[in-house]
PDB file of all heavy atoms in Angstrom:
ATOM      1  N   THR A   1     -51.807 116.069  54.953  1.00  0.00           N
ATOM      2  CA  THR A   1     -50.552 115.472  55.408  1.00  0.00           C
ATOM      3  C   THR A   1     -50.790 114.697  56.691  1.00  0.00           C
ATOM      4  O   THR A   1     -51.331 115.244  57.665  1.00  0.00           O
ATOM      5  CB  THR A   1     -49.504 116.559  55.665  1.00  0.00           C
ATOM      6  OG1 THR A   1     -49.300 117.299  54.461  1.00  0.00           O
ATOM      7  CG2 THR A   1     -48.182 115.951  56.117  1.00  0.00           C
ATOM      8  N   PRO A   2     -50.404 113.432  56.751  1.00  0.00           N
ATOM      9  CA  PRO A   2     -50.617 112.668  57.981  1.00  0.00           C
ATOM     10  C   PRO A   2     -49.786 113.223  59.130  1.00  0.00           C
ATOM     11  O   PRO A   2     -48.751 113.867  58.938  1.00  0.00           O
ATOM     12  CB  PRO A   2     -50.137 111.252  57.613  1.00  0.00           C
ATOM     13  CG  PRO A   2     -50.054 111.224  56.133  1.00  0.00           C
ATOM     14  CD  PRO A   2     -49.779 112.620  55.687  1.00  0.00           C
ATOM     15  N   LEU A   3     -50.257 112.989  60.334  1.00  0.00           N
ATOM     16  CA  LEU A   3     -49.430 113.207  61.510  1.00  0.00           C
ATOM     17  C   LEU A   3     -48.477 112.033  61.671  1.00  0.00           C
ATOM     18  O   LEU A   3     -48.796 110.893  61.303  1.00  0.00           O
ATOM     19  CB  LEU A   3     -50.298 113.321  62.772  1.00  0.00           C
ATOM     20  CG  LEU A   3     -51.274 114.493  62.857  1.00  0.00           C
ATOM     21  CD1 LEU A   3     -52.063 114.410  64.165  1.00  0.00           C
ATOM     22  CD2 LEU A   3     -50.561 115.824  62.739  1.00  0.00           C
ATOM     23  N   GLN A   4     -47.306 112.287  62.226  1.00  0.00           N
ATOM     24  CA  GLN A   4     -46.365 111.194  62.446  1.00  0.00           C
ATOM     25  C   GLN A   4     -45.557 111.432  63.708  1.00  0.00           C
ATOM     26  O   GLN A   4     -45.353 112.570  64.137  1.00  0.00           O
ATOM     27  CB  GLN A   4     -45.428 111.028  61.250  1.00  0.00           C
ATOM     28  CG  GLN A   4     -44.594 112.250  60.927  1.00  0.00           C
ATOM     29  CD  GLN A   4     -43.623 111.994  59.804  1.00  0.00           C
ATOM     30  OE1 GLN A   4     -43.152 110.872  59.608  1.00  0.00           O
ATOM     31  NE2 GLN A   4     -43.298 113.025  59.041  1.00  0.00           N
ATOM     32  N   ALA A   5     -45.108 110.338  64.298  1.00  0.00           N
ATOM     33  CA  ALA A   5     -44.241 110.393  65.468  1.00  0.00           C
ATOM     34  C   ALA A   5     -43.467 109.080  65.523  1.00  0.00           C
ATOM     35  O   ALA A   5     -43.829 108.089  64.871  1.00  0.00           O
ATOM     36  CB  ALA A   5     -45.043 110.600  66.747  1.00  0.00           C
ATOM     37  N   SER A   6     -42.401 109.071  66.300  1.00  0.00           N
ATOM     38  CA  SER A   6     -41.625 107.851  66.512  1.00  0.00           C
ATOM     39  C   SER A   6     -42.022 107.234  67.841  1.00  0.00           C
ATOM     40  O   SER A   6     -42.189 107.938  68.846  1.00  0.00           O
ATOM     41  CB  SER A   6     -40.129 108.171  66.507  1.00  0.00           C
ATOM     42  OG  SER A   6     -39.371 107.005  66.801  1.00  0.00           O
ATOM     43  N   PHE A   7     -42.183 105.906  67.838  1.00  0.00           N
ATOM     44  CA  PHE A   7     -42.476 105.176  69.066  1.00  0.00           C
ATOM     45  C   PHE A   7     -41.708 103.869  69.058  1.00  0.00           C
ATOM     46  O   PHE A   7     -41.861 103.056  68.147  1.00  0.00           O
ATOM     47  CB  PHE A   7     -43.984 104.905  69.192  1.00  0.00           C
ATOM     48  CG  PHE A   7     -44.354 104.124  70.427  1.00  0.00           C
ATOM     49  CD1 PHE A   7     -44.365 104.743  71.665  1.00  0.00           C
ATOM     50  CD2 PHE A   7     -44.667 102.775  70.353  1.00  0.00           C
ATOM     51  CE1 PHE A   7     -44.687 104.034  72.814  1.00  0.00           C
ATOM     52  CE2 PHE A   7     -44.998 102.047  71.492  1.00  0.00           C
ATOM     53  CZ  PHE A   7     -45.003 102.688  72.729  1.00  0.00           C
ATOM     54  N   GLN A   8     -40.864 103.671  70.052  1.00  0.00           N
ATOM     55  CA  GLN A   8     -40.037 102.454  70.145  1.00  0.00           C
ATOM     56  C   GLN A   8     -39.251 102.220  68.863  1.00  0.00           C
ATOM     57  O   GLN A   8     -39.060 101.073  68.440  1.00  0.00           O
ATOM     58  CB  GLN A   8     -40.924 101.232  70.462  1.00  0.00           C
ATOM     59  CG  GLN A   8     -41.743 101.346  71.728  1.00  0.00           C
ATOM     60  CD  GLN A   8     -40.914 101.145  72.994  1.00  0.00           C
ATOM     61  OE1 GLN A   8     -39.825 100.590  72.939  1.00  0.00           O
ATOM     62  NE2 GLN A   8     -41.412 101.613  74.118  1.00  0.00           N
ATOM     63  N   GLY A   9     -38.813 103.306  68.216  1.00  0.00           N
ATOM     64  CA  GLY A   9     -38.055 103.187  66.976  1.00  0.00           C
ATOM     65  C   GLY A   9     -38.882 103.001  65.735  1.00  0.00           C
ATOM     66  O   GLY A   9     -38.334 102.923  64.642  1.00  0.00           O
ATOM     67  N   HIS A  10     -40.195 102.952  65.870  1.00  0.00           N
ATOM     68  CA  HIS A  10     -41.098 102.759  64.744  1.00  0.00           C
ATOM     69  C   HIS A  10     -41.777 104.085  64.388  1.00  0.00           C
ATOM     70  O   HIS A  10     -42.279 104.783  65.270  1.00  0.00           O
ATOM     71  CB  HIS A  10     -42.182 101.736  65.085  1.00  0.00           C
ATOM     72  CG  HIS A  10     -41.658 100.359  65.363  1.00  0.00           C
ATOM     73  ND1 HIS A  10     -41.558  99.384  64.399  1.00  0.00           N
ATOM     74  CD2 HIS A  10     -41.192  99.801  66.510  1.00  0.00           C
ATOM     75  CE1 HIS A  10     -41.070  98.287  64.928  1.00  0.00           C
ATOM     76  NE2 HIS A  10     -40.835  98.503  66.214  1.00  0.00           N
ATOM     77  N   ARG A  11     -41.803 104.401  63.103  1.00  0.00           N
ATOM     78  CA  ARG A  11     -42.582 105.550  62.664  1.00  0.00           C
ATOM     79  C   ARG A  11     -44.066 105.176  62.697  1.00  0.00           C
ATOM     80  O   ARG A  11     -44.474 104.144  62.153  1.00  0.00           O
ATOM     81  CB  ARG A  11     -42.186 105.952  61.239  1.00  0.00           C
ATOM     82  CG  ARG A  11     -42.842 107.272  60.792  1.00  0.00           C
ATOM     83  CD  ARG A  11     -42.717 107.459  59.296  1.00  0.00           C
ATOM     84  NE  ARG A  11     -41.364 107.523  58.807  1.00  0.00           N
ATOM     85  CZ  ARG A  11     -40.764 108.610  58.322  1.00  0.00           C
ATOM     86  NH1 ARG A  11     -41.441 109.742  58.263  1.00  0.00           N
ATOM     87  NH2 ARG A  11     -39.527 108.557  57.877  1.00  0.00           N
ATOM     88  N   VAL A  12     -44.873 106.036  63.321  1.00  0.00           N
ATOM     89  CA  VAL A  12     -46.321 105.848  63.387  1.00  0.00           C
ATOM     90  C   VAL A  12     -46.961 106.983  62.612  1.00  0.00           C
ATOM     91  O   VAL A  12     -46.697 108.156  62.887  1.00  0.00           O
ATOM     92  CB  VAL A  12     -46.837 105.841  64.845  1.00  0.00           C
ATOM     93  CG1 VAL A  12     -48.353 105.647  64.890  1.00  0.00           C
ATOM     94  CG2 VAL A  12     -46.129 104.740  65.646  1.00  0.00           C
ATOM     95  N   VAL A  13     -47.795 106.657  61.625  1.00  0.00           N
ATOM     96  CA  VAL A  13     -48.426 107.632  60.743  1.00  0.00           C
ATOM     97  C   VAL A  13     -49.930 107.505  60.898  1.00  0.00           C
ATOM     98  O   VAL A  13     -50.481 106.399  60.823  1.00  0.00           O
ATOM     99  CB  VAL A  13     -48.006 107.406  59.275  1.00  0.00           C
ATOM    100  CG1 VAL A  13     -48.831 108.265  58.332  1.00  0.00           C
ATOM    101  CG2 VAL A  13     -46.522 107.700  59.097  1.00  0.00           C
ATOM    102  N   THR A  14     -50.613 108.650  61.109  1.00  0.00           N
ATOM    103  CA  THR A  14     -52.044 108.584  61.397  1.00  0.00           C
ATOM    104  C   THR A  14     -52.730 109.860  60.928  1.00  0.00           C
ATOM    105  O   THR A  14     -52.090 110.751  60.384  1.00  0.00           O
ATOM    106  CB  THR A  14     -52.266 108.328  62.908  1.00  0.00           C
ATOM    107  OG1 THR A  14     -53.646 108.082  63.168  1.00  0.00           O
ATOM    108  CG2 THR A  14     -51.778 109.491  63.742  1.00  0.00           C
ATOM    109  N   MET A  15     -54.039 109.952  61.144  1.00  0.00           N
ATOM    110  CA  MET A  15     -54.842 111.055  60.624  1.00  0.00           C
ATOM    111  C   MET A  15     -54.676 112.319  61.465  1.00  0.00           C
ATOM    112  O   MET A  15     -54.646 112.254  62.688  1.00  0.00           O
ATOM    113  CB  MET A  15     -56.331 110.697  60.612  1.00  0.00           C
ATOM    114  CG  MET A  15     -56.811 109.889  59.433  1.00  0.00           C
ATOM    115  SD  MET A  15     -56.600 110.641  57.814  1.00  0.00           S
ATOM    116  CE  MET A  15     -57.478 112.190  57.979  1.00  0.00           C
ATOM    117  N   PRO A  16     -54.617 113.476  60.795  1.00  0.00           N
ATOM    118  CA  PRO A  16     -54.672 114.754  61.508  1.00  0.00           C
ATOM    119  C   PRO A  16     -56.120 115.168  61.755  1.00  0.00           C
ATOM    120  O   PRO A  16     -57.045 114.532  61.247  1.00  0.00           O
ATOM    121  CB  PRO A  16     -53.986 115.705  60.528  1.00  0.00           C
ATOM    122  CG  PRO A  16     -54.388 115.166  59.178  1.00  0.00           C
ATOM    123  CD  PRO A  16     -54.443 113.658  59.347  1.00  0.00           C
ATOM    124  N   PRO A  17     -56.346 116.250  62.509  1.00  0.00           N
ATOM    125  CA  PRO A  17     -57.707 116.779  62.649  1.00  0.00           C
ATOM    126  C   PRO A  17     -58.318 117.122  61.299  1.00  0.00           C
ATOM    127  O   PRO A  17     -57.583 117.476  60.363  1.00  0.00           O
ATOM    128  CB  PRO A  17     -57.502 118.036  63.504  1.00  0.00           C
ATOM    129  CG  PRO A  17     -56.273 117.738  64.304  1.00  0.00           C
ATOM    130  CD  PRO A  17     -55.393 116.963  63.348  1.00  0.00           C
ATOM    131  N   PRO A  18     -59.657 116.969  61.184  1.00  0.00           N
ATOM    132  CA  PRO A  18     -60.629 116.857  62.264  1.00  0.00           C
ATOM    133  C   PRO A  18     -60.743 115.478  62.896  1.00  0.00           C
ATOM    134  O   PRO A  18     -61.674 115.264  63.681  1.00  0.00           O
ATOM    135  CB  PRO A  18     -61.939 117.247  61.577  1.00  0.00           C
ATOM    136  CG  PRO A  18     -61.775 116.784  60.173  1.00  0.00           C
ATOM    137  CD  PRO A  18     -60.339 117.051  59.857  1.00  0.00           C
ATOM    138  N   SER A  19     -59.851 114.549  62.561  1.00  0.00           N
ATOM    139  CA  SER A  19     -59.748 113.358  63.394  1.00  0.00           C
ATOM    140  C   SER A  19     -59.022 113.756  64.672  1.00  0.00           C
ATOM    141  O   SER A  19     -57.826 114.061  64.637  1.00  0.00           O
ATOM    142  CB  SER A  19     -58.969 112.248  62.682  1.00  0.00           C
ATOM    143  OG  SER A  19     -58.571 111.261  63.610  1.00  0.00           O
ATOM    144  N   GLY A  20     -59.741 113.759  65.775  1.00  0.00           N
ATOM    145  CA  GLY A  20     -59.064 113.956  67.050  1.00  0.00           C
ATOM    146  C   GLY A  20     -58.344 112.692  67.472  1.00  0.00           C
ATOM    147  O   GLY A  20     -57.544 112.709  68.409  1.00  0.00           O
ATOM    148  N   GLY A  21     -58.618 111.588  66.763  1.00  0.00           N
ATOM    149  CA  GLY A  21     -58.017 110.315  67.133  1.00  0.00           C
ATOM    150  C   GLY A  21     -56.526 110.277  66.937  1.00  0.00           C
ATOM    151  O   GLY A  21     -55.774 109.826  67.802  1.00  0.00           O
ATOM    152  N   GLY A  22     -56.046 110.742  65.771  1.00  0.00           N
ATOM    153  CA  GLY A  22     -54.625 110.656  65.487  1.00  0.00           C
ATOM    154  C   GLY A  22     -53.780 111.460  66.447  1.00  0.00           C
ATOM    155  O   GLY A  22     -52.780 110.967  66.993  1.00  0.00           O
ATOM    156  N   ALA A  23     -54.159 112.719  66.675  1.00  0.00           N
ATOM    157  CA  ALA A  23     -53.390 113.562  67.585  1.00  0.00           C
ATOM    158  C   ALA A  23     -53.400 112.995  68.999  1.00  0.00           C
ATOM    159  O   ALA A  23     -52.368 112.996  69.691  1.00  0.00           O
ATOM    160  CB  ALA A  23     -53.952 114.979  67.569  1.00  0.00           C
ATOM    161  N   THR A  24     -54.553 112.503  69.451  1.00  0.00           N
ATOM    162  CA  THR A  24     -54.650 111.962  70.799  1.00  0.00           C
ATOM    163  C   THR A  24     -53.839 110.679  70.930  1.00  0.00           C
ATOM    164  O   THR A  24     -53.169 110.448  71.950  1.00  0.00           O
ATOM    165  CB  THR A  24     -56.125 111.726  71.172  1.00  0.00           C
ATOM    166  OG1 THR A  24     -56.858 112.936  70.943  1.00  0.00           O
ATOM    167  CG2 THR A  24     -56.269 111.310  72.617  1.00  0.00           C
ATOM    168  N   LEU A  25     -53.853 109.834  69.899  1.00  0.00           N
ATOM    169  CA  LEU A  25     -53.040 108.608  69.913  1.00  0.00           C
ATOM    170  C   LEU A  25     -51.558 108.940  70.042  1.00  0.00           C
ATOM    171  O   LEU A  25     -50.848 108.368  70.880  1.00  0.00           O
ATOM    172  CB  LEU A  25     -53.290 107.805  68.636  1.00  0.00           C
ATOM    173  CG  LEU A  25     -52.365 106.594  68.435  1.00  0.00           C
ATOM    174  CD1 LEU A  25     -52.657 105.516  69.465  1.00  0.00           C
ATOM    175  CD2 LEU A  25     -52.494 106.039  67.024  1.00  0.00           C
ATOM    176  N   LEU A  26     -51.068 109.863  69.218  1.00  0.00           N
ATOM    177  CA  LEU A  26     -49.641 110.197  69.264  1.00  0.00           C
ATOM    178  C   LEU A  26     -49.275 110.842  70.597  1.00  0.00           C
ATOM    179  O   LEU A  26     -48.190 110.596  71.143  1.00  0.00           O
ATOM    180  CB  LEU A  26     -49.279 111.116  68.106  1.00  0.00           C
ATOM    181  CG  LEU A  26     -49.452 110.535  66.693  1.00  0.00           C
ATOM    182  CD1 LEU A  26     -48.875 111.488  65.656  1.00  0.00           C
ATOM    183  CD2 LEU A  26     -48.806 109.160  66.563  1.00  0.00           C
ATOM    184  N   GLN A  27     -50.157 111.655  71.129  1.00  0.00           N
ATOM    185  CA  GLN A  27     -49.905 112.260  72.439  1.00  0.00           C
ATOM    186  C   GLN A  27     -49.752 111.176  73.505  1.00  0.00           C
ATOM    187  O   GLN A  27     -48.832 111.211  74.337  1.00  0.00           O
ATOM    188  CB  GLN A  27     -51.041 113.213  72.796  1.00  0.00           C
ATOM    189  CG  GLN A  27     -50.813 114.003  74.074  1.00  0.00           C
ATOM    190  CD  GLN A  27     -51.971 114.957  74.361  1.00  0.00           C
ATOM    191  OE1 GLN A  27     -52.830 115.176  73.515  1.00  0.00           O
ATOM    192  NE2 GLN A  27     -51.998 115.518  75.550  1.00  0.00           N
ATOM    193  N   LEU A  28     -50.636 110.184  73.479  1.00  0.00           N
ATOM    194  CA  LEU A  28     -50.560 109.084  74.445  1.00  0.00           C
ATOM    195  C   LEU A  28     -49.270 108.282  74.286  1.00  0.00           C
ATOM    196  O   LEU A  28     -48.614 107.932  75.277  1.00  0.00           O
ATOM    197  CB  LEU A  28     -51.783 108.174  74.281  1.00  0.00           C
ATOM    198  CG  LEU A  28     -53.076 108.692  74.910  1.00  0.00           C
ATOM    199  CD1 LEU A  28     -54.284 107.942  74.373  1.00  0.00           C
ATOM    200  CD2 LEU A  28     -53.006 108.571  76.430  1.00  0.00           C
ATOM    201  N   LEU A  29     -48.901 107.989  73.045  1.00  0.00           N
ATOM    202  CA  LEU A  29     -47.668 107.231  72.818  1.00  0.00           C
ATOM    203  C   LEU A  29     -46.463 107.988  73.350  1.00  0.00           C
ATOM    204  O   LEU A  29     -45.551 107.394  73.956  1.00  0.00           O
ATOM    205  CB  LEU A  29     -47.506 106.935  71.323  1.00  0.00           C
ATOM    206  CG  LEU A  29     -48.496 105.934  70.719  1.00  0.00           C
ATOM    207  CD1 LEU A  29     -48.315 105.853  69.208  1.00  0.00           C
ATOM    208  CD2 LEU A  29     -48.341 104.544  71.345  1.00  0.00           C
ATOM    209  N   LYS A  30     -46.437 109.297  73.152  1.00  0.00           N
ATOM    210  CA  LYS A  30     -45.307 110.095  73.627  1.00  0.00           C
ATOM    211  C   LYS A  30     -45.243 110.130  75.157  1.00  0.00           C
ATOM    212  O   LYS A  30     -44.157 110.074  75.750  1.00  0.00           O
ATOM    213  CB  LYS A  30     -45.400 111.515  73.058  1.00  0.00           C
ATOM    214  CG  LYS A  30     -44.933 111.630  71.609  1.00  0.00           C
ATOM    215  CD  LYS A  30     -45.013 113.054  71.120  1.00  0.00           C
ATOM    216  CE  LYS A  30     -44.242 113.229  69.823  1.00  0.00           C
ATOM    217  NZ  LYS A  30     -42.779 113.140  70.026  1.00  0.00           N
ATOM    218  N   VAL A  31     -46.384 110.239  75.798  1.00  0.00           N
ATOM    219  CA  VAL A  31     -46.398 110.247  77.258  1.00  0.00           C
ATOM    220  C   VAL A  31     -45.954 108.897  77.815  1.00  0.00           C
ATOM    221  O   VAL A  31     -45.189 108.818  78.796  1.00  0.00           O
ATOM    222  CB  VAL A  31     -47.804 110.621  77.774  1.00  0.00           C
ATOM    223  CG1 VAL A  31     -47.918 110.388  79.282  1.00  0.00           C
ATOM    224  CG2 VAL A  31     -48.124 112.079  77.441  1.00  0.00           C
ATOM    225  N   LEU A  32     -46.392 107.817  77.200  1.00  0.00           N
ATOM    226  CA  LEU A  32     -46.158 106.475  77.743  1.00  0.00           C
ATOM    227  C   LEU A  32     -44.804 105.874  77.364  1.00  0.00           C
ATOM    228  O   LEU A  32     -44.306 104.987  78.071  1.00  0.00           O
ATOM    229  CB  LEU A  32     -47.271 105.527  77.280  1.00  0.00           C
ATOM    230  CG  LEU A  32     -48.676 105.833  77.806  1.00  0.00           C
ATOM    231  CD1 LEU A  32     -49.717 104.953  77.113  1.00  0.00           C
ATOM    232  CD2 LEU A  32     -48.758 105.660  79.317  1.00  0.00           C
ATOM    233  N   GLU A  33     -44.182 106.343  76.291  1.00  0.00           N
ATOM    234  CA  GLU A  33     -42.978 105.678  75.783  1.00  0.00           C
ATOM    235  C   GLU A  33     -41.858 105.551  76.814  1.00  0.00           C
ATOM    236  O   GLU A  33     -41.256 104.478  76.955  1.00  0.00           O
ATOM    237  CB  GLU A  33     -42.468 106.388  74.527  1.00  0.00           C
ATOM    238  CG  GLU A  33     -41.252 105.688  73.915  1.00  0.00           C
ATOM    239  CD  GLU A  33     -40.835 106.288  72.576  1.00  0.00           C
ATOM    240  OE1 GLU A  33     -41.112 107.492  72.361  1.00  0.00           O
ATOM    241  OE2 GLU A  33     -40.234 105.577  71.761  1.00  0.00           O
ATOM    242  N   PRO A  34     -41.508 106.609  77.570  1.00  0.00           N
ATOM    243  CA  PRO A  34     -40.392 106.447  78.522  1.00  0.00           C
ATOM    244  C   PRO A  34     -40.709 105.558  79.709  1.00  0.00           C
ATOM    245  O   PRO A  34     -39.802 105.146  80.443  1.00  0.00           O
ATOM    246  CB  PRO A  34     -40.123 107.891  78.981  1.00  0.00           C
ATOM    247  CG  PRO A  34     -40.779 108.761  77.978  1.00  0.00           C
ATOM    248  CD  PRO A  34     -41.976 107.997  77.518  1.00  0.00           C
ATOM    249  N   LEU A  35     -41.963 105.285  79.974  1.00  0.00           N
ATOM    250  CA  LEU A  35     -42.346 104.447  81.113  1.00  0.00           C
ATOM    251  C   LEU A  35     -42.166 102.981  80.734  1.00  0.00           C
ATOM    252  O   LEU A  35     -42.510 102.557  79.637  1.00  0.00           O
ATOM    253  CB  LEU A  35     -43.796 104.724  81.503  1.00  0.00           C
ATOM    254  CG  LEU A  35     -44.126 106.202  81.749  1.00  0.00           C
ATOM    255  CD1 LEU A  35     -45.597 106.367  82.087  1.00  0.00           C
ATOM    256  CD2 LEU A  35     -43.244 106.784  82.830  1.00  0.00           C
ATOM    257  N   ASN A  36     -41.652 102.219  81.664  1.00  0.00           N
ATOM    258  CA  ASN A  36     -41.293 100.836  81.341  1.00  0.00           C
ATOM    259  C   ASN A  36     -42.511  99.928  81.486  1.00  0.00           C
ATOM    260  O   ASN A  36     -42.614  99.139  82.435  1.00  0.00           O
ATOM    261  CB  ASN A  36     -40.155 100.356  82.242  1.00  0.00           C
ATOM    262  CG  ASN A  36     -39.436  99.163  81.643  1.00  0.00           C
ATOM    263  OD1 ASN A  36     -39.991  98.441  80.813  1.00  0.00           O
ATOM    264  ND2 ASN A  36     -38.200  98.960  82.050  1.00  0.00           N
ATOM    265  N   LEU A  37     -43.442 100.048  80.523  1.00  0.00           N
ATOM    266  CA  LEU A  37     -44.653  99.239  80.590  1.00  0.00           C
ATOM    267  C   LEU A  37     -44.368  97.761  80.399  1.00  0.00           C
ATOM    268  O   LEU A  37     -45.112  96.905  80.887  1.00  0.00           O
ATOM    269  CB  LEU A  37     -45.665  99.714  79.537  1.00  0.00           C
ATOM    270  CG  LEU A  37     -46.130 101.173  79.659  1.00  0.00           C
ATOM    271  CD1 LEU A  37     -47.224 101.454  78.633  1.00  0.00           C
ATOM    272  CD2 LEU A  37     -46.612 101.489  81.065  1.00  0.00           C
ATOM    273  N   ALA A  38     -43.283  97.442  79.688  1.00  0.00           N
ATOM    274  CA  ALA A  38     -42.920  96.030  79.533  1.00  0.00           C
ATOM    275  C   ALA A  38     -42.565  95.424  80.880  1.00  0.00           C
ATOM    276  O   ALA A  38     -42.850  94.250  81.147  1.00  0.00           O
ATOM    277  CB  ALA A  38     -41.745  95.898  78.564  1.00  0.00           C
ATOM    278  N   ALA A  39     -41.963  96.223  81.769  1.00  0.00           N
ATOM    279  CA  ALA A  39     -41.589  95.720  83.082  1.00  0.00           C
ATOM    280  C   ALA A  39     -42.795  95.598  84.003  1.00  0.00           C
ATOM    281  O   ALA A  39     -42.927  94.625  84.750  1.00  0.00           O
ATOM    282  CB  ALA A  39     -40.540  96.642  83.716  1.00  0.00           C
ATOM    283  N   THR A  40     -43.686  96.593  83.983  1.00  0.00           N
ATOM    284  CA  THR A  40     -44.861  96.484  84.845  1.00  0.00           C
ATOM    285  C   THR A  40     -45.844  95.441  84.337  1.00  0.00           C
ATOM    286  O   THR A  40     -46.641  94.912  85.116  1.00  0.00           O
ATOM    287  CB  THR A  40     -45.562  97.845  84.987  1.00  0.00           C
ATOM    288  OG1 THR A  40     -45.847  98.373  83.686  1.00  0.00           O
ATOM    289  CG2 THR A  40     -44.677  98.839  85.724  1.00  0.00           C
TER     290      THR A  40
END
């Protein structure tokens, strides 16, 4: 089953472990989403 999360209203679907990539990507998106990167 893929990992999934919402980012900027978009569903993002990616690989679960043993891909450490998918979990780490979603973790980063969740941390960064509330920060106004478009403004900076």
